[in-house]
PDB file of N, CA and C in Angstrom:
ATOM      1  N   MET A   1      62.710  12.236-178.909  1.00  0.00           N
ATOM      2  CA  MET A   1      61.856  12.813-178.271  1.00  0.00           C
ATOM      3  C   MET A   1      61.820  12.650-176.685  1.00  0.00           C
ATOM      4  N   VAL A   2      60.880  14.312-176.471  1.00  0.00           N
ATOM      5  CA  VAL A   2      60.660  14.443-174.788  1.00  0.00           C
ATOM      6  C   VAL A   2      59.371  13.427-174.337  1.00  0.00           C
ATOM      7  N   ASP A   3      59.541  13.051-173.077  1.00  0.00           N
ATOM      8  CA  ASP A   3      58.509  12.565-172.655  1.00  0.00           C
ATOM      9  C   ASP A   3      58.225  13.747-172.025  1.00  0.00           C
ATOM     10  N   ILE A   4      56.660  14.319-172.434  1.00  0.00           N
ATOM     11  CA  ILE A   4      55.787  15.354-171.567  1.00  0.00           C
ATOM     12  C   ILE A   4      55.433  14.822-170.036  1.00  0.00           C
ATOM     13  N   LEU A   5      54.955  13.460-170.340  1.00  0.00           N
ATOM     14  CA  LEU A   5      54.747  13.563-168.625  1.00  0.00           C
ATOM     15  C   LEU A   5      55.597  13.570-168.128  1.00  0.00           C
ATOM     16  N   LYS A   6      56.702  12.576-168.254  1.00  0.00           N
ATOM     17  CA  LYS A   6      57.629  13.119-167.201  1.00  0.00           C
ATOM     18  C   LYS A   6      58.432  13.984-167.193  1.00  0.00           C
ATOM     19  N   GLU A   7      58.428  14.960-168.186  1.00  0.00           N
ATOM     20  CA  GLU A   7      59.266  16.635-168.120  1.00  0.00           C
ATOM     21  C   GLU A   7      57.536  17.334-166.885  1.00  0.00           C
ATOM     22  N   PHE A   8      56.971  16.827-167.358  1.00  0.00           N
ATOM     23  CA  PHE A   8      56.298  17.947-166.285  1.00  0.00           C
ATOM     24  C   PHE A   8      56.119  16.466-164.986  1.00  0.00           C
ATOM     25  N   GLY A   9      56.363  16.279-164.530  1.00  0.00           N
ATOM     26  CA  GLY A   9      56.792  15.233-163.271  1.00  0.00           C
ATOM     27  C   GLY A   9      57.896  16.054-162.501  1.00  0.00           C
ATOM     28  N   GLN A  10      58.462  15.908-163.382  1.00  0.00           N
ATOM     29  CA  GLN A  10      60.023  17.035-162.790  1.00  0.00           C
ATOM     30  C   GLN A  10      59.751  18.448-162.667  1.00  0.00           C
ATOM     31  N   LYS A  11      58.792  19.012-163.198  1.00  0.00           N
ATOM     32  CA  LYS A  11      58.586  20.358-163.033  1.00  0.00           C
ATOM     33  C   LYS A  11      57.846  19.984-161.725  1.00  0.00           C
ATOM     34  N   VAL A  12      56.565  19.542-161.679  1.00  0.00           N
ATOM     35  CA  VAL A  12      56.285  18.913-159.835  1.00  0.00           C
ATOM     36  C   VAL A  12      57.138  19.429-158.646  1.00  0.00           C
ATOM     37  N   LEU A  13      58.188  17.794-159.201  1.00  0.00           N
ATOM     38  CA  LEU A  13      58.571  17.491-158.227  1.00  0.00           C
ATOM     39  C   LEU A  13      59.782  18.642-157.249  1.00  0.00           C
ATOM     40  N   HIS A  14      59.997  19.776-158.709  1.00  0.00           N
ATOM     41  CA  HIS A  14      60.760  20.728-158.259  1.00  0.00           C
ATOM     42  C   HIS A  14      60.266  20.939-157.593  1.00  0.00           C
ATOM     43  N   TYR A  15      59.206  21.983-157.557  1.00  0.00           N
ATOM     44  CA  TYR A  15      58.349  22.878-157.269  1.00  0.00           C
ATOM     45  C   TYR A  15      58.195  22.640-155.500  1.00  0.00           C
ATOM     46  N   ARG A  16      57.765  21.525-155.283  1.00  0.00           N
ATOM     47  CA  ARG A  16      57.017  20.633-154.461  1.00  0.00           C
ATOM     48  C   ARG A  16      58.554  20.043-153.252  1.00  0.00           C
ATOM     49  N   ARG A  17      59.725  20.708-153.626  1.00  0.00           N
ATOM     50  CA  ARG A  17      60.650  20.456-152.993  1.00  0.00           C
ATOM     51  C   ARG A  17      61.738  21.544-152.204  1.00  0.00           C
ATOM     52  N   LYS A  18      61.633  22.202-153.433  1.00  0.00           N
ATOM     53  CA  LYS A  18      62.034  23.957-153.290  1.00  0.00           C
ATOM     54  C   LYS A  18      60.622  24.479-152.585  1.00  0.00           C
ATOM     55  N   LYS A  19      59.214  24.074-151.910  1.00  0.00           N
ATOM     56  CA  LYS A  19      58.142  24.242-151.238  1.00  0.00           C
ATOM     57  C   LYS A  19      58.774  23.813-149.663  1.00  0.00           C
ATOM     58  N   ASN A  20      59.096  22.710-149.965  1.00  0.00           N
ATOM     59  CA  ASN A  20      59.542  22.199-149.027  1.00  0.00           C
ATOM     60  C   ASN A  20      58.412  20.870-148.391  1.00  0.00           C
ATOM     61  N   LEU A  21      57.647  20.742-149.704  1.00  0.00           N
ATOM     62  CA  LEU A  21      56.562  19.491-149.002  1.00  0.00           C
ATOM     63  C   LEU A  21      56.452  18.228-149.387  1.00  0.00           C
ATOM     64  N   SER A  22      56.607  17.549-148.235  1.00  0.00           N
ATOM     65  CA  SER A  22      56.152  16.323-148.764  1.00  0.00           C
ATOM     66  C   SER A  22      55.151  15.434-149.452  1.00  0.00           C
ATOM     67  N   GLN A  23      54.828  14.823-150.066  1.00  0.00           N
ATOM     68  CA  GLN A  23      53.723  13.916-151.417  1.00  0.00           C
ATOM     69  C   GLN A  23      53.026  14.499-150.730  1.00  0.00           C
ATOM     70  N   GLU A  24      52.708  13.867-149.465  1.00  0.00           N
ATOM     71  CA  GLU A  24      51.540  13.745-148.803  1.00  0.00           C
ATOM     72  C   GLU A  24      50.631  14.964-148.533  1.00  0.00           C
ATOM     73  N   HIS A  25      51.622  16.167-148.193  1.00  0.00           N
ATOM     74  CA  HIS A  25      51.256  17.209-148.393  1.00  0.00           C
ATOM     75  C   HIS A  25      50.611  18.272-148.674  1.00  0.00           C
ATOM     76  N   LEU A  26      51.153  17.826-150.294  1.00  0.00           N
ATOM     77  CA  LEU A  26      50.991  18.475-151.343  1.00  0.00           C
ATOM     78  C   LEU A  26      49.419  18.191-151.914  1.00  0.00           C
ATOM     79  N   ALA A  27      49.395  16.617-151.319  1.00  0.00           N
ATOM     80  CA  ALA A  27      48.275  15.892-151.857  1.00  0.00           C
ATOM     81  C   ALA A  27      46.970  16.656-151.134  1.00  0.00           C
ATOM     82  N   GLU A  28      47.799  16.592-149.511  1.00  0.00           N
ATOM     83  CA  GLU A  28      46.196  17.238-148.623  1.00  0.00           C
ATOM     84  C   GLU A  28      46.306  18.636-149.545  1.00  0.00           C
ATOM     85  N   LEU A  29      46.875  19.694-149.680  1.00  0.00           N
ATOM     86  CA  LEU A  29      47.278  20.781-149.933  1.00  0.00           C
ATOM     87  C   LEU A  29      46.046  20.656-151.344  1.00  0.00           C
ATOM     88  N   ALA A  30      46.288  20.242-152.333  1.00  0.00           N
ATOM     89  CA  ALA A  30      45.589  19.828-153.412  1.00  0.00           C
ATOM     90  C   ALA A  30      44.236  18.869-153.808  1.00  0.00           C
ATOM     91  N   SER A  31      43.893  18.478-152.804  1.00  0.00           N
ATOM     92  CA  SER A  31      43.455  17.556-152.528  1.00  0.00           C
ATOM     93  C   SER A  31      42.854  16.673-153.419  1.00  0.00           C
ATOM     94  N   LEU A  32      44.565  16.242-153.554  1.00  0.00           N
ATOM     95  CA  LEU A  32      44.867  14.626-154.226  1.00  0.00           C
ATOM     96  C   LEU A  32      45.553  13.709-153.097  1.00  0.00           C
ATOM     97  N   HIS A  33      45.265  12.109-154.262  1.00  0.00           N
ATOM     98  CA  HIS A  33      45.302  11.134-153.628  1.00  0.00           C
ATOM     99  C   HIS A  33      47.163  11.097-153.270  1.00  0.00           C
ATOM    100  N   ARG A  34      48.446  10.995-152.043  1.00  0.00           N
ATOM    101  CA  ARG A  34      48.714  10.983-152.408  1.00  0.00           C
ATOM    102  C   ARG A  34      49.994  10.211-153.183  1.00  0.00           C
ATOM    103  N   THR A  35      49.113   8.502-153.665  1.00  0.00           N
ATOM    104  CA  THR A  35      49.884   7.907-154.877  1.00  0.00           C
ATOM    105  C   THR A  35      49.918   8.959-156.461  1.00  0.00           C
ATOM    106  N   TYR A  36      49.057   9.626-156.100  1.00  0.00           N
ATOM    107  CA  TYR A  36      48.445  10.232-157.376  1.00  0.00           C
ATOM    108  C   TYR A  36      49.603  11.083-157.074  1.00  0.00           C
ATOM    109  N   ILE A  37      50.789  11.909-156.593  1.00  0.00           N
ATOM    110  CA  ILE A  37      51.167  12.508-156.812  1.00  0.00           C
ATOM    111  C   ILE A  37      52.418  12.460-157.275  1.00  0.00           C
ATOM    112  N   GLY A  38      52.888  10.443-156.560  1.00  0.00           N
ATOM    113  CA  GLY A  38      54.359  10.070-156.942  1.00  0.00           C
ATOM    114  C   GLY A  38      53.711   9.499-158.130  1.00  0.00           C
ATOM    115  N   GLN A  39      53.094   9.619-158.837  1.00  0.00           N
ATOM    116  CA  GLN A  39      52.509   8.988-160.398  1.00  0.00           C
ATOM    117  C   GLN A  39      52.891   9.681-160.720  1.00  0.00           C
ATOM    118  N   ILE A  40      52.401  11.100-160.499  1.00  0.00           N
ATOM    119  CA  ILE A  40      52.117  12.433-161.701  1.00  0.00           C
ATOM    120  C   ILE A  40      54.158  12.525-162.127  1.00  0.00           C
ATOM    121  N   GLU A  41      54.714  12.790-161.029  1.00  0.00           N
ATOM    122  CA  GLU A  41      56.448  12.705-160.644  1.00  0.00           C
ATOM    123  C   GLU A  41      57.137  12.199-161.612  1.00  0.00           C
ATOM    124  N   THR A  42      56.508  10.706-161.200  1.00  0.00           N
ATOM    125  CA  THR A  42      57.200   9.385-162.340  1.00  0.00           C
ATOM    126  C   THR A  42      56.811   9.455-163.613  1.00  0.00           C
ATOM    127  N   GLY A  43      55.625  10.382-163.981  1.00  0.00           N
ATOM    128  CA  GLY A  43      55.250  10.411-165.613  1.00  0.00           C
ATOM    129  C   GLY A  43      54.345   9.285-165.721  1.00  0.00           C
ATOM    130  N   LYS A  44      54.033   8.239-164.506  1.00  0.00           N
ATOM    131  CA  LYS A  44      53.092   7.461-164.592  1.00  0.00           C
ATOM    132  C   LYS A  44      51.416   8.018-165.229  1.00  0.00           C
ATOM    133  N   ARG A  45      51.402   9.364-164.898  1.00  0.00           N
ATOM    134  CA  ARG A  45      50.159   9.704-164.743  1.00  0.00           C
ATOM    135  C   ARG A  45      50.047  10.436-165.900  1.00  0.00           C
ATOM    136  N   ASN A  46      48.538  10.963-166.741  1.00  0.00           N
ATOM    137  CA  ASN A  46      48.300  11.399-167.918  1.00  0.00           C
ATOM    138  C   ASN A  46      47.145  12.211-166.518  1.00  0.00           C
ATOM    139  N   ILE A  47      48.034  13.935-166.453  1.00  0.00           N
ATOM    140  CA  ILE A  47      47.114  14.693-165.336  1.00  0.00           C
ATOM    141  C   ILE A  47      45.957  15.290-166.245  1.00  0.00           C
ATOM    142  N   ALA A  48      44.606  15.495-165.393  1.00  0.00           N
ATOM    143  CA  ALA A  48      43.422  15.937-165.799  1.00  0.00           C
ATOM    144  C   ALA A  48      44.385  17.968-166.064  1.00  0.00           C
ATOM    145  N   LEU A  49      43.401  18.145-166.705  1.00  0.00           N
ATOM    146  CA  LEU A  49      43.824  19.635-166.853  1.00  0.00           C
ATOM    147  C   LEU A  49      43.071  20.471-165.459  1.00  0.00           C
ATOM    148  N   LYS A  50      42.101  20.123-164.452  1.00  0.00           N
ATOM    149  CA  LYS A  50      41.945  20.327-163.169  1.00  0.00           C
ATOM    150  C   LYS A  50      42.681  19.972-161.979  1.00  0.00           C
ATOM    151  N   ASN A  51      42.937  19.469-162.572  1.00  0.00           N
ATOM    152  CA  ASN A  51      44.171  18.819-161.414  1.00  0.00           C
ATOM    153  C   ASN A  51      45.449  19.146-161.682  1.00  0.00           C
ATOM    154  N   ILE A  52      45.736  19.738-162.852  1.00  0.00           N
ATOM    155  CA  ILE A  52      46.841  20.833-163.077  1.00  0.00           C
ATOM    156  C   ILE A  52      46.611  22.042-162.340  1.00  0.00           C
ATOM    157  N   GLU A  53      45.605  22.632-162.196  1.00  0.00           N
ATOM    158  CA  GLU A  53      45.140  23.680-161.899  1.00  0.00           C
ATOM    159  C   GLU A  53      45.421  23.690-160.033  1.00  0.00           C
ATOM    160  N   LYS A  54      44.553  22.964-159.426  1.00  0.00           N
ATOM    161  CA  LYS A  54      44.747  22.121-158.078  1.00  0.00           C
ATOM    162  C   LYS A  54      46.156  22.674-157.744  1.00  0.00           C
ATOM    163  N   LEU A  55      47.289  21.910-158.428  1.00  0.00           N
ATOM    164  CA  LEU A  55      48.431  21.753-158.181  1.00  0.00           C
ATOM    165  C   LEU A  55      49.166  22.244-157.850  1.00  0.00           C
ATOM    166  N   ALA A  56      48.940  23.594-159.370  1.00  0.00           N
ATOM    167  CA  ALA A  56      49.535  25.020-159.840  1.00  0.00           C
ATOM    168  C   ALA A  56      49.509  25.256-158.676  1.00  0.00           C
ATOM    169  N   LYS A  57      47.879  25.977-157.751  1.00  0.00           N
ATOM    170  CA  LYS A  57      47.593  26.481-156.727  1.00  0.00           C
ATOM    171  C   LYS A  57      48.419  26.039-155.444  1.00  0.00           C
ATOM    172  N   ALA A  58      48.166  25.048-154.932  1.00  0.00           N
ATOM    173  CA  ALA A  58      48.486  23.798-154.030  1.00  0.00           C
ATOM    174  C   ALA A  58      49.929  24.441-153.753  1.00  0.00           C
ATOM    175  N   LEU A  59      51.306  24.469-154.819  1.00  0.00           N
ATOM    176  CA  LEU A  59      52.183  24.739-154.999  1.00  0.00           C
ATOM    177  C   LEU A  59      53.082  26.053-154.941  1.00  0.00           C
ATOM    178  N   GLY A  60      51.672  27.222-154.852  1.00  0.00           N
ATOM    179  CA  GLY A  60      51.527  28.474-155.252  1.00  0.00           C
ATOM    180  C   GLY A  60      52.001  29.348-156.747  1.00  0.00           C
ATOM    181  N   VAL A  61      52.576  28.637-157.649  1.00  0.00           N
ATOM    182  CA  VAL A  61      52.572  28.634-158.797  1.00  0.00           C
ATOM    183  C   VAL A  61      52.170  28.735-159.774  1.00  0.00           C
ATOM    184  N   SER A  62      51.997  29.282-160.917  1.00  0.00           N
ATOM    185  CA  SER A  62      50.740  29.192-162.249  1.00  0.00           C
ATOM    186  C   SER A  62      50.983  28.263-163.395  1.00  0.00           C
ATOM    187  N   ILE A  63      50.523  27.710-163.240  1.00  0.00           N
ATOM    188  CA  ILE A  63      49.880  26.657-164.313  1.00  0.00           C
ATOM    189  C   ILE A  63      50.649  26.687-166.145  1.00  0.00           C
ATOM    190  N   LYS A  64      51.311  27.688-165.866  1.00  0.00           N
ATOM    191  CA  LYS A  64      52.520  27.945-167.135  1.00  0.00           C
ATOM    192  C   LYS A  64      53.799  27.674-166.348  1.00  0.00           C
ATOM    193  N   ASP A  65      53.732  27.336-165.304  1.00  0.00           N
ATOM    194  CA  ASP A  65      55.259  27.530-164.280  1.00  0.00           C
ATOM    195  C   ASP A  65      54.970  26.143-164.749  1.00  0.00           C
ATOM    196  N   LEU A  66      54.595  25.330-164.679  1.00  0.00           N
ATOM    197  CA  LEU A  66      54.483  24.081-164.767  1.00  0.00           C
ATOM    198  C   LEU A  66      54.894  23.262-165.639  1.00  0.00           C
ATOM    199  N   PHE A  67      54.465  23.855-167.074  1.00  0.00           N
ATOM    200  CA  PHE A  67      54.771  23.659-168.461  1.00  0.00           C
ATOM    201  C   PHE A  67      56.162  24.289-168.650  1.00  0.00           C
TER     202      PHE A  67
END
């Protein structure tokens, strides 16, 4: 069974690295906390839809790309 939180976190990590952003910089761009970004990337956080939208905008991708 695929863990959707880990899979989502891996997508965020992929796009963050592709954009050459640190967790801190992504957090600033998305108006989120750096530790929150870390928890998302490791699959430890069940992220709210509004925050998914913030991350997608900060990464310059569509919400669909993160899934």
